[in-house]
Amino acid sequence: MAILRYAPFRRPFSDAALLQNRLNSIFQEFASPSEPNEALVTGHFVPAVDVYEDAQKVVVKLEVPGIKQEDLDVRVENHTLTVKGERKFESEEKEENFHRIERRYGSFVRSFTIPQTVDTDSVSAAYDAGVLTVTLAKKAEAKPKQVKIEVGSGTTAPSTPQPKQVEASAA
């Protein structure tokens, strides 16, 4: 057994981390399907999402390039927005001519809890250039209200009666 001297530049747990990474890769290879291309074709596809809001609406944008509009399903039920879709593999191409397959294919489901301030009856969706935009309008009572304060409008507040002064006469 070799004795290693501790050096300040050496991390004491780096060997354990390296071993953990090697074991993880072995288990991933074991769990993957027998054909290497099959693992990539049926891999998990999860579209990236941006969610933001302003005073009038909540907007959810999903990146779904390569998915046809008819392969997307947008539903709102019980204050939950659910988007389902599927990116299909082009099987008319001959697989033996592929040199690399990096794009992910398969179906996905993304669900988001909608705040109570959203009107679930006024939801719209648009699909443009591979981006699905779902717009959820807020309820009227949830929108901020601005009260205008008028300054110097010419109306004066009723004045309080001043006590009457009685002049005393000198006798």
N, C-alpha and C. Protein backbone atom coordinates (compact mmCIF):
# COMPACT_ATOMS: atom_id res chain seq x y z
N MET A 1 0.83 -1.16 0.00
CA MET A 1 0.00 0.00 0.00
C MET A 1 0.89 1.24 0.00
N ALA A 2 0.56 2.16 -0.89
CA ALA A 2 1.36 3.38 -1.01
C ALA A 2 0.89 4.40 0.01
N ILE A 3 1.83 5.13 0.54
CA ILE A 3 1.51 6.19 1.49
C ILE A 3 1.58 7.51 0.73
N LEU A 4 0.47 8.24 0.78
CA LEU A 4 0.43 9.54 0.13
C LEU A 4 0.58 10.62 1.18
N ARG A 5 1.43 11.52 0.89
CA ARG A 5 1.63 12.64 1.79
C ARG A 5 0.60 13.71 1.45
N TYR A 6 -0.01 14.29 2.48
CA TYR A 6 -1.00 15.34 2.28
C TYR A 6 -0.31 16.60 1.78
N ALA A 7 -0.83 17.11 0.70
CA ALA A 7 -0.31 18.37 0.16
C ALA A 7 -1.44 19.40 0.22
N PRO A 8 -1.15 20.63 0.54
CA PRO A 8 -2.22 21.62 0.68
C PRO A 8 -3.00 21.85 -0.61
N PHE A 9 -2.39 21.60 -1.76
CA PHE A 9 -3.10 21.80 -3.03
C PHE A 9 -4.00 20.63 -3.37
N ARG A 10 -3.88 19.52 -2.68
CA ARG A 10 -4.67 18.33 -2.97
C ARG A 10 -5.96 18.37 -2.13
N ARG A 11 -7.09 18.15 -2.80
CA ARG A 11 -8.37 18.10 -2.08
C ARG A 11 -8.54 16.71 -1.50
N PRO A 12 -8.84 16.60 -0.23
CA PRO A 12 -8.89 15.27 0.40
C PRO A 12 -10.03 14.39 -0.12
N PHE A 13 -11.12 14.97 -0.63
CA PHE A 13 -12.24 14.15 -1.06
C PHE A 13 -12.36 14.04 -2.58
N SER A 14 -11.34 14.47 -3.31
CA SER A 14 -11.43 14.43 -4.77
C SER A 14 -11.47 12.99 -5.29
N ASP A 15 -10.75 12.08 -4.64
CA ASP A 15 -10.77 10.68 -5.08
C ASP A 15 -12.15 10.06 -4.86
N ALA A 16 -12.82 10.42 -3.77
CA ALA A 16 -14.16 9.90 -3.52
C ALA A 16 -15.15 10.45 -4.54
N ALA A 17 -15.02 11.71 -4.92
CA ALA A 17 -15.90 12.30 -5.93
C ALA A 17 -15.66 11.65 -7.29
N LEU A 18 -14.42 11.37 -7.61
CA LEU A 18 -14.10 10.70 -8.88
C LEU A 18 -14.71 9.30 -8.92
N LEU A 19 -14.61 8.57 -7.83
CA LEU A 19 -15.20 7.24 -7.75
C LEU A 19 -16.73 7.31 -7.89
N GLN A 20 -17.36 8.30 -7.25
CA GLN A 20 -18.82 8.47 -7.35
C GLN A 20 -19.23 8.75 -8.79
N ASN A 21 -18.49 9.59 -9.49
CA ASN A 21 -18.81 9.89 -10.89
C ASN A 21 -18.68 8.65 -11.77
N ARG A 22 -17.68 7.85 -11.53
CA ARG A 22 -17.50 6.61 -12.32
C ARG A 22 -18.65 5.62 -12.06
N LEU A 23 -19.05 5.49 -10.79
CA LEU A 23 -20.16 4.59 -10.47
C LEU A 23 -21.47 5.09 -11.10
N ASN A 24 -21.69 6.41 -11.07
CA ASN A 24 -22.90 6.95 -11.70
C ASN A 24 -22.94 6.65 -13.19
N SER A 25 -21.83 6.79 -13.87
CA SER A 25 -21.81 6.51 -15.30
C SER A 25 -22.04 5.04 -15.59
N ILE A 26 -21.54 4.16 -14.75
CA ILE A 26 -21.77 2.71 -14.93
C ILE A 26 -23.26 2.39 -14.79
N PHE A 27 -23.90 2.95 -13.77
CA PHE A 27 -25.32 2.69 -13.58
C PHE A 27 -26.17 3.30 -14.68
N GLN A 28 -25.78 4.45 -15.20
CA GLN A 28 -26.53 5.05 -16.30
C GLN A 28 -26.43 4.19 -17.55
N GLU A 29 -25.26 3.65 -17.84
CA GLU A 29 -25.10 2.77 -19.00
C GLU A 29 -25.91 1.49 -18.82
N PHE A 30 -25.95 0.98 -17.60
CA PHE A 30 -26.69 -0.23 -17.34
C PHE A 30 -28.20 -0.02 -17.52
N ALA A 31 -28.69 1.12 -17.10
CA ALA A 31 -30.12 1.40 -17.17
C ALA A 31 -30.58 1.82 -18.56
N SER A 32 -29.68 2.17 -19.44
CA SER A 32 -30.08 2.64 -20.77
C SER A 32 -30.45 1.46 -21.66
N PRO A 33 -31.24 1.69 -22.71
CA PRO A 33 -31.64 0.62 -23.63
C PRO A 33 -30.43 0.03 -24.34
N SER A 34 -30.65 -1.11 -24.98
CA SER A 34 -29.54 -1.84 -25.61
C SER A 34 -28.96 -1.10 -26.81
N GLU A 35 -29.79 -0.43 -27.59
CA GLU A 35 -29.28 0.32 -28.73
C GLU A 35 -28.90 1.72 -28.30
N PRO A 36 -27.73 2.21 -28.68
CA PRO A 36 -27.34 3.54 -28.25
C PRO A 36 -28.21 4.64 -28.83
N ASN A 37 -28.65 4.51 -30.07
CA ASN A 37 -29.50 5.53 -30.69
C ASN A 37 -30.88 5.56 -30.05
N GLU A 38 -31.35 4.41 -29.57
CA GLU A 38 -32.68 4.35 -28.96
C GLU A 38 -32.75 5.20 -27.70
N ALA A 39 -31.66 5.26 -26.95
CA ALA A 39 -31.65 6.07 -25.74
C ALA A 39 -31.80 7.54 -26.07
N LEU A 40 -31.19 7.98 -27.17
CA LEU A 40 -31.29 9.38 -27.54
C LEU A 40 -32.64 9.70 -28.16
N VAL A 41 -33.19 8.78 -28.91
CA VAL A 41 -34.46 9.02 -29.59
C VAL A 41 -35.60 9.09 -28.57
N THR A 42 -35.59 8.23 -27.59
CA THR A 42 -36.67 8.21 -26.61
C THR A 42 -36.30 8.94 -25.32
N GLY A 43 -35.28 9.79 -25.39
CA GLY A 43 -34.83 10.51 -24.20
C GLY A 43 -35.88 11.47 -23.69
N HIS A 44 -35.64 11.98 -22.53
CA HIS A 44 -36.59 12.90 -21.91
C HIS A 44 -36.43 14.28 -22.52
N PHE A 45 -37.51 14.80 -23.00
CA PHE A 45 -37.52 16.14 -23.58
C PHE A 45 -38.32 17.04 -22.66
N VAL A 46 -37.69 18.05 -22.11
CA VAL A 46 -38.35 18.99 -21.22
C VAL A 46 -38.07 20.39 -21.77
N PRO A 47 -39.11 21.07 -22.27
CA PRO A 47 -38.87 22.40 -22.84
C PRO A 47 -38.56 23.43 -21.76
N ALA A 48 -37.71 24.37 -22.12
CA ALA A 48 -37.38 25.47 -21.21
C ALA A 48 -38.58 26.41 -21.11
N VAL A 49 -38.76 27.02 -19.93
CA VAL A 49 -39.94 27.83 -19.66
C VAL A 49 -39.53 29.16 -19.02
N ASP A 50 -40.20 30.24 -19.45
CA ASP A 50 -40.10 31.54 -18.78
C ASP A 50 -41.49 31.88 -18.27
N VAL A 51 -41.59 32.32 -17.01
CA VAL A 51 -42.87 32.74 -16.44
C VAL A 51 -42.66 34.14 -15.87
N TYR A 52 -43.51 35.07 -16.28
CA TYR A 52 -43.45 36.41 -15.74
C TYR A 52 -44.84 37.00 -15.66
N GLU A 53 -44.97 38.09 -14.91
CA GLU A 53 -46.28 38.72 -14.77
C GLU A 53 -46.13 40.23 -14.70
N ASP A 54 -47.22 40.90 -15.03
CA ASP A 54 -47.31 42.34 -14.83
C ASP A 54 -48.65 42.62 -14.16
N ALA A 55 -49.10 43.83 -14.19
CA ALA A 55 -50.32 44.19 -13.47
C ALA A 55 -51.57 43.57 -14.08
N GLN A 56 -51.55 43.26 -15.37
CA GLN A 56 -52.75 42.76 -16.04
C GLN A 56 -52.75 41.26 -16.31
N LYS A 57 -51.59 40.62 -16.37
CA LYS A 57 -51.56 39.22 -16.82
C LYS A 57 -50.35 38.46 -16.28
N VAL A 58 -50.45 37.13 -16.40
CA VAL A 58 -49.34 36.22 -16.15
C VAL A 58 -49.05 35.56 -17.48
N VAL A 59 -47.77 35.50 -17.87
CA VAL A 59 -47.39 34.95 -19.17
C VAL A 59 -46.44 33.78 -18.96
N VAL A 60 -46.71 32.67 -19.67
CA VAL A 60 -45.86 31.48 -19.64
C VAL A 60 -45.37 31.25 -21.07
N LYS A 61 -44.05 31.21 -21.27
CA LYS A 61 -43.47 30.96 -22.59
C LYS A 61 -42.67 29.67 -22.55
N LEU A 62 -42.97 28.77 -23.48
CA LEU A 62 -42.27 27.49 -23.57
C LEU A 62 -41.54 27.40 -24.89
N GLU A 63 -40.30 26.94 -24.87
CA GLU A 63 -39.54 26.71 -26.09
C GLU A 63 -39.86 25.30 -26.59
N VAL A 64 -40.56 25.24 -27.70
CA VAL A 64 -40.95 23.94 -28.25
C VAL A 64 -40.66 23.90 -29.76
N PRO A 65 -39.42 24.14 -30.18
CA PRO A 65 -39.13 24.10 -31.61
C PRO A 65 -39.26 22.70 -32.18
N GLY A 66 -39.74 22.64 -33.39
CA GLY A 66 -39.89 21.35 -34.06
C GLY A 66 -41.16 20.61 -33.71
N ILE A 67 -42.01 21.19 -32.91
CA ILE A 67 -43.27 20.56 -32.53
C ILE A 67 -44.39 21.26 -33.28
N LYS A 68 -45.22 20.49 -33.94
CA LYS A 68 -46.34 21.06 -34.68
C LYS A 68 -47.40 21.55 -33.70
N GLN A 69 -48.14 22.55 -34.13
CA GLN A 69 -49.16 23.15 -33.27
C GLN A 69 -50.21 22.12 -32.87
N GLU A 70 -50.55 21.20 -33.76
CA GLU A 70 -51.56 20.19 -33.44
C GLU A 70 -51.05 19.13 -32.46
N ASP A 71 -49.73 19.09 -32.23
CA ASP A 71 -49.16 18.14 -31.26
C ASP A 71 -49.04 18.75 -29.86
N LEU A 72 -49.56 19.96 -29.67
CA LEU A 72 -49.54 20.62 -28.37
C LEU A 72 -50.94 20.63 -27.77
N ASP A 73 -51.02 20.43 -26.46
CA ASP A 73 -52.29 20.43 -25.74
C ASP A 73 -52.14 21.33 -24.52
N VAL A 74 -52.95 22.40 -24.46
CA VAL A 74 -52.91 23.35 -23.34
C VAL A 74 -54.24 23.28 -22.62
N ARG A 75 -54.20 23.02 -21.31
CA ARG A 75 -55.42 22.90 -20.50
C ARG A 75 -55.27 23.66 -19.20
N VAL A 76 -56.40 24.19 -18.72
CA VAL A 76 -56.46 24.82 -17.40
C VAL A 76 -57.57 24.13 -16.63
N GLU A 77 -57.19 23.47 -15.52
CA GLU A 77 -58.15 22.78 -14.67
C GLU A 77 -57.74 22.95 -13.22
N ASN A 78 -58.69 23.32 -12.37
CA ASN A 78 -58.46 23.44 -10.93
C ASN A 78 -57.23 24.30 -10.60
N HIS A 79 -57.13 25.45 -11.22
CA HIS A 79 -56.01 26.38 -11.04
C HIS A 79 -54.66 25.74 -11.34
N THR A 80 -54.63 24.85 -12.34
CA THR A 80 -53.38 24.26 -12.80
C THR A 80 -53.33 24.37 -14.32
N LEU A 81 -52.26 24.95 -14.82
CA LEU A 81 -52.02 25.03 -16.26
C LEU A 81 -51.16 23.84 -16.64
N THR A 82 -51.63 23.03 -17.59
CA THR A 82 -50.90 21.86 -18.04
C THR A 82 -50.65 21.97 -19.54
N VAL A 83 -49.40 21.80 -19.93
CA VAL A 83 -49.02 21.83 -21.35
C VAL A 83 -48.40 20.48 -21.67
N LYS A 84 -49.00 19.80 -22.67
CA LYS A 84 -48.50 18.50 -23.13
C LYS A 84 -48.10 18.63 -24.58
N GLY A 85 -47.13 17.85 -24.96
CA GLY A 85 -46.72 17.86 -26.36
C GLY A 85 -45.81 16.70 -26.66
N GLU A 86 -45.48 16.57 -27.94
CA GLU A 86 -44.59 15.49 -28.36
C GLU A 86 -43.76 15.95 -29.54
N ARG A 87 -42.46 15.75 -29.43
CA ARG A 87 -41.55 15.98 -30.55
C ARG A 87 -41.25 14.61 -31.13
N LYS A 88 -41.66 14.42 -32.39
CA LYS A 88 -41.54 13.11 -33.02
C LYS A 88 -40.24 13.00 -33.80
N PHE A 89 -39.68 11.81 -33.77
CA PHE A 89 -38.45 11.52 -34.51
C PHE A 89 -38.79 11.30 -35.96
N GLU A 90 -38.02 11.92 -36.87
CA GLU A 90 -38.27 11.74 -38.30
C GLU A 90 -37.74 10.37 -38.71
N SER A 91 -38.63 9.39 -38.79
CA SER A 91 -38.21 8.02 -39.06
C SER A 91 -38.01 7.74 -40.54
N GLU A 92 -38.35 8.69 -41.43
CA GLU A 92 -38.15 8.42 -42.85
C GLU A 92 -36.68 8.50 -43.24
N GLU A 93 -35.84 9.05 -42.37
CA GLU A 93 -34.41 9.09 -42.63
C GLU A 93 -33.81 7.72 -42.31
N LYS A 94 -32.78 7.34 -43.02
CA LYS A 94 -32.12 6.07 -42.73
C LYS A 94 -31.22 6.27 -41.52
N GLU A 95 -31.45 5.48 -40.47
CA GLU A 95 -30.71 5.66 -39.23
C GLU A 95 -29.22 5.34 -39.37
N GLU A 96 -28.84 4.46 -40.29
CA GLU A 96 -27.43 4.11 -40.39
C GLU A 96 -26.59 5.25 -40.97
N ASN A 97 -27.24 6.28 -41.52
CA ASN A 97 -26.51 7.42 -42.06
C ASN A 97 -26.28 8.51 -41.01
N PHE A 98 -26.86 8.38 -39.85
CA PHE A 98 -26.68 9.39 -38.82
C PHE A 98 -25.28 9.28 -38.23
N HIS A 99 -24.63 10.40 -38.06
CA HIS A 99 -23.34 10.43 -37.39
C HIS A 99 -23.50 10.84 -35.94
N ARG A 100 -24.56 11.61 -35.66
CA ARG A 100 -24.78 12.07 -34.31
C ARG A 100 -26.26 12.44 -34.16
N ILE A 101 -26.84 12.06 -33.04
CA ILE A 101 -28.21 12.45 -32.72
C ILE A 101 -28.16 13.09 -31.34
N GLU A 102 -28.32 14.41 -31.30
CA GLU A 102 -28.25 15.13 -30.03
C GLU A 102 -29.58 15.74 -29.63
N ARG A 103 -30.49 15.95 -30.58
CA ARG A 103 -31.77 16.54 -30.22
C ARG A 103 -32.59 15.51 -29.47
N ARG A 104 -33.37 15.98 -28.51
CA ARG A 104 -34.21 15.10 -27.70
C ARG A 104 -35.58 14.97 -28.34
N TYR A 105 -36.13 13.79 -28.28
CA TYR A 105 -37.45 13.49 -28.82
C TYR A 105 -38.28 12.84 -27.73
N GLY A 106 -39.58 12.84 -27.98
CA GLY A 106 -40.49 12.20 -27.04
C GLY A 106 -41.55 13.17 -26.57
N SER A 107 -42.36 12.71 -25.66
CA SER A 107 -43.44 13.55 -25.16
C SER A 107 -43.03 14.19 -23.84
N PHE A 108 -43.72 15.27 -23.52
CA PHE A 108 -43.44 15.99 -22.29
C PHE A 108 -44.75 16.48 -21.69
N VAL A 109 -44.71 16.75 -20.41
CA VAL A 109 -45.84 17.35 -19.68
C VAL A 109 -45.24 18.34 -18.70
N ARG A 110 -45.71 19.59 -18.76
CA ARG A 110 -45.30 20.61 -17.80
C ARG A 110 -46.56 21.14 -17.14
N SER A 111 -46.57 21.25 -15.81
CA SER A 111 -47.72 21.74 -15.06
C SER A 111 -47.29 22.90 -14.17
N PHE A 112 -48.17 23.90 -14.08
CA PHE A 112 -47.90 25.09 -13.29
C PHE A 112 -49.13 25.43 -12.47
N THR A 113 -48.93 25.76 -11.21
CA THR A 113 -50.04 26.19 -10.36
C THR A 113 -50.32 27.66 -10.67
N ILE A 114 -51.59 27.96 -10.92
CA ILE A 114 -52.01 29.31 -11.27
C ILE A 114 -52.45 30.02 -9.99
N PRO A 115 -52.02 31.26 -9.79
CA PRO A 115 -52.45 32.00 -8.60
C PRO A 115 -53.96 32.27 -8.63
N GLN A 116 -54.54 32.48 -7.47
CA GLN A 116 -55.98 32.75 -7.36
C GLN A 116 -56.37 34.06 -8.03
N THR A 117 -55.41 34.94 -8.28
CA THR A 117 -55.70 36.23 -8.90
C THR A 117 -55.95 36.13 -10.40
N VAL A 118 -55.75 34.95 -11.00
CA VAL A 118 -55.91 34.77 -12.44
C VAL A 118 -57.32 34.35 -12.76
N ASP A 119 -57.87 34.95 -13.81
CA ASP A 119 -59.20 34.59 -14.31
C ASP A 119 -59.02 33.40 -15.25
N THR A 120 -59.41 32.21 -14.82
CA THR A 120 -59.19 30.99 -15.61
C THR A 120 -60.07 30.91 -16.85
N ASP A 121 -61.06 31.81 -16.96
CA ASP A 121 -61.92 31.81 -18.14
C ASP A 121 -61.32 32.63 -19.28
N SER A 122 -60.32 33.42 -19.02
CA SER A 122 -59.71 34.24 -20.07
C SER A 122 -58.24 33.87 -20.25
N VAL A 123 -58.04 32.72 -20.89
CA VAL A 123 -56.71 32.20 -21.18
C VAL A 123 -56.55 32.16 -22.69
N SER A 124 -55.41 32.62 -23.18
CA SER A 124 -55.15 32.54 -24.62
C SER A 124 -53.77 31.96 -24.85
N ALA A 125 -53.59 31.34 -26.01
CA ALA A 125 -52.30 30.73 -26.36
C ALA A 125 -51.96 31.09 -27.80
N ALA A 126 -50.68 31.35 -28.03
CA ALA A 126 -50.19 31.67 -29.37
C ALA A 126 -48.91 30.89 -29.60
N TYR A 127 -48.68 30.48 -30.84
CA TYR A 127 -47.50 29.70 -31.20
C TYR A 127 -46.81 30.41 -32.36
N ASP A 128 -45.55 30.81 -32.13
CA ASP A 128 -44.82 31.53 -33.16
C ASP A 128 -43.34 31.19 -33.06
N ALA A 129 -42.75 30.79 -34.16
CA ALA A 129 -41.31 30.53 -34.27
C ALA A 129 -40.80 29.58 -33.19
N GLY A 130 -41.56 28.54 -32.89
CA GLY A 130 -41.13 27.54 -31.92
C GLY A 130 -41.33 27.92 -30.48
N VAL A 131 -42.03 29.02 -30.21
CA VAL A 131 -42.29 29.45 -28.84
C VAL A 131 -43.80 29.48 -28.62
N LEU A 132 -44.26 28.73 -27.62
CA LEU A 132 -45.66 28.73 -27.22
C LEU A 132 -45.82 29.74 -26.10
N THR A 133 -46.71 30.72 -26.31
CA THR A 133 -46.96 31.76 -25.31
C THR A 133 -48.38 31.61 -24.79
N VAL A 134 -48.52 31.35 -23.50
CA VAL A 134 -49.83 31.22 -22.86
C VAL A 134 -50.01 32.46 -21.98
N THR A 135 -51.09 33.21 -22.24
CA THR A 135 -51.37 34.43 -21.50
C THR A 135 -52.60 34.23 -20.63
N LEU A 136 -52.45 34.48 -19.35
CA LEU A 136 -53.51 34.31 -18.37
C LEU A 136 -53.84 35.69 -17.79
N ALA A 137 -55.03 36.20 -18.09
CA ALA A 137 -55.43 37.52 -17.61
C ALA A 137 -55.77 37.45 -16.13
N LYS A 138 -55.48 38.54 -15.42
CA LYS A 138 -55.81 38.60 -14.00
C LYS A 138 -57.25 39.07 -13.83
N LYS A 139 -57.84 38.72 -12.69
CA LYS A 139 -59.20 39.16 -12.37
C LYS A 139 -59.19 40.66 -12.15
N ALA A 140 -60.35 41.28 -12.37
CA ALA A 140 -60.45 42.74 -12.25
C ALA A 140 -60.13 43.20 -10.83
N GLU A 141 -60.57 42.44 -9.83
CA GLU A 141 -60.31 42.86 -8.45
C GLU A 141 -58.85 42.69 -8.06
N ALA A 142 -58.09 41.92 -8.83
CA ALA A 142 -56.68 41.71 -8.52
C ALA A 142 -55.80 42.77 -9.15
N LYS A 143 -56.33 43.49 -10.14
CA LYS A 143 -55.54 44.52 -10.80
C LYS A 143 -55.40 45.73 -9.89
N PRO A 144 -54.26 46.37 -9.89
CA PRO A 144 -54.09 47.52 -9.02
C PRO A 144 -54.96 48.68 -9.48
N LYS A 145 -55.50 49.40 -8.52
CA LYS A 145 -56.34 50.56 -8.82
C LYS A 145 -55.62 51.80 -8.36
N GLN A 146 -55.68 52.82 -9.20
CA GLN A 146 -55.03 54.07 -8.86
C GLN A 146 -56.11 55.09 -8.56
N VAL A 147 -55.97 55.76 -7.45
CA VAL A 147 -56.92 56.78 -7.03
C VAL A 147 -56.27 58.13 -7.29
N LYS A 148 -56.97 58.95 -8.06
CA LYS A 148 -56.42 60.25 -8.38
C LYS A 148 -56.78 61.24 -7.28
N ILE A 149 -55.80 61.97 -6.82
CA ILE A 149 -55.99 62.96 -5.78
C ILE A 149 -55.92 64.33 -6.44
N GLU A 150 -56.98 65.09 -6.28
CA GLU A 150 -57.01 66.42 -6.87
C GLU A 150 -56.51 67.42 -5.84
N VAL A 151 -55.62 68.26 -6.26
CA VAL A 151 -55.05 69.27 -5.39
C VAL A 151 -55.50 70.64 -5.88
N GLY A 152 -56.01 71.46 -4.97
CA GLY A 152 -56.40 72.82 -5.32
C GLY A 152 -57.56 72.86 -6.28
N SER A 153 -58.58 72.08 -6.03
CA SER A 153 -59.70 72.03 -6.96
C SER A 153 -60.67 73.18 -6.77
N GLY A 154 -60.44 74.04 -5.82
CA GLY A 154 -61.29 75.20 -5.63
C GLY A 154 -62.36 75.00 -4.58
N THR A 155 -62.61 73.84 -4.14
CA THR A 155 -63.59 73.63 -3.08
C THR A 155 -62.88 73.78 -1.75
N THR A 156 -63.50 74.45 -0.86
CA THR A 156 -62.90 74.64 0.45
C THR A 156 -63.69 73.86 1.47
N ALA A 157 -63.02 73.43 2.44
CA ALA A 157 -63.68 72.68 3.50
C ALA A 157 -64.47 73.65 4.34
N PRO A 158 -65.61 73.21 4.86
CA PRO A 158 -66.39 74.13 5.69
C PRO A 158 -65.57 74.55 6.89
N SER A 159 -65.63 75.84 7.14
CA SER A 159 -64.82 76.36 8.24
C SER A 159 -65.58 76.17 9.56
N THR A 160 -64.82 76.06 10.61
CA THR A 160 -65.44 75.90 11.92
C THR A 160 -65.84 77.28 12.42
N PRO A 161 -67.00 77.37 13.03
CA PRO A 161 -67.43 78.71 13.48
C PRO A 161 -66.50 79.26 14.54
N GLN A 162 -66.14 80.52 14.35
CA GLN A 162 -65.26 81.21 15.29
C GLN A 162 -66.12 81.79 16.43
N PRO A 163 -65.64 81.78 17.65
CA PRO A 163 -66.42 82.38 18.74
C PRO A 163 -66.57 83.88 18.49
N LYS A 164 -67.74 84.37 18.78
CA LYS A 164 -68.01 85.80 18.59
C LYS A 164 -67.35 86.60 19.69
N GLN A 165 -66.78 87.68 19.28
CA GLN A 165 -66.16 88.57 20.27
C GLN A 165 -67.17 89.67 20.64
N VAL A 166 -67.32 89.85 21.87
CA VAL A 166 -68.25 90.87 22.36
C VAL A 166 -67.41 92.04 22.85
N GLU A 167 -67.75 93.17 22.35
CA GLU A 167 -67.01 94.36 22.78
C GLU A 167 -67.59 94.85 24.10
N ALA A 168 -66.76 95.09 24.99
CA ALA A 168 -67.23 95.63 26.30
C ALA A 168 -67.18 97.16 26.24
N SER A 169 -68.20 97.76 26.72
CA SER A 169 -68.23 99.22 26.73
C SER A 169 -67.73 99.73 28.07
N ALA A 170 -67.06 100.82 28.05
CA ALA A 170 -66.52 101.36 29.28
C ALA A 170 -67.59 102.18 29.97
N ALA A 171 -67.83 101.93 31.14
CA ALA A 171 -68.87 102.69 31.86
C ALA A 171 -68.29 103.71 32.75
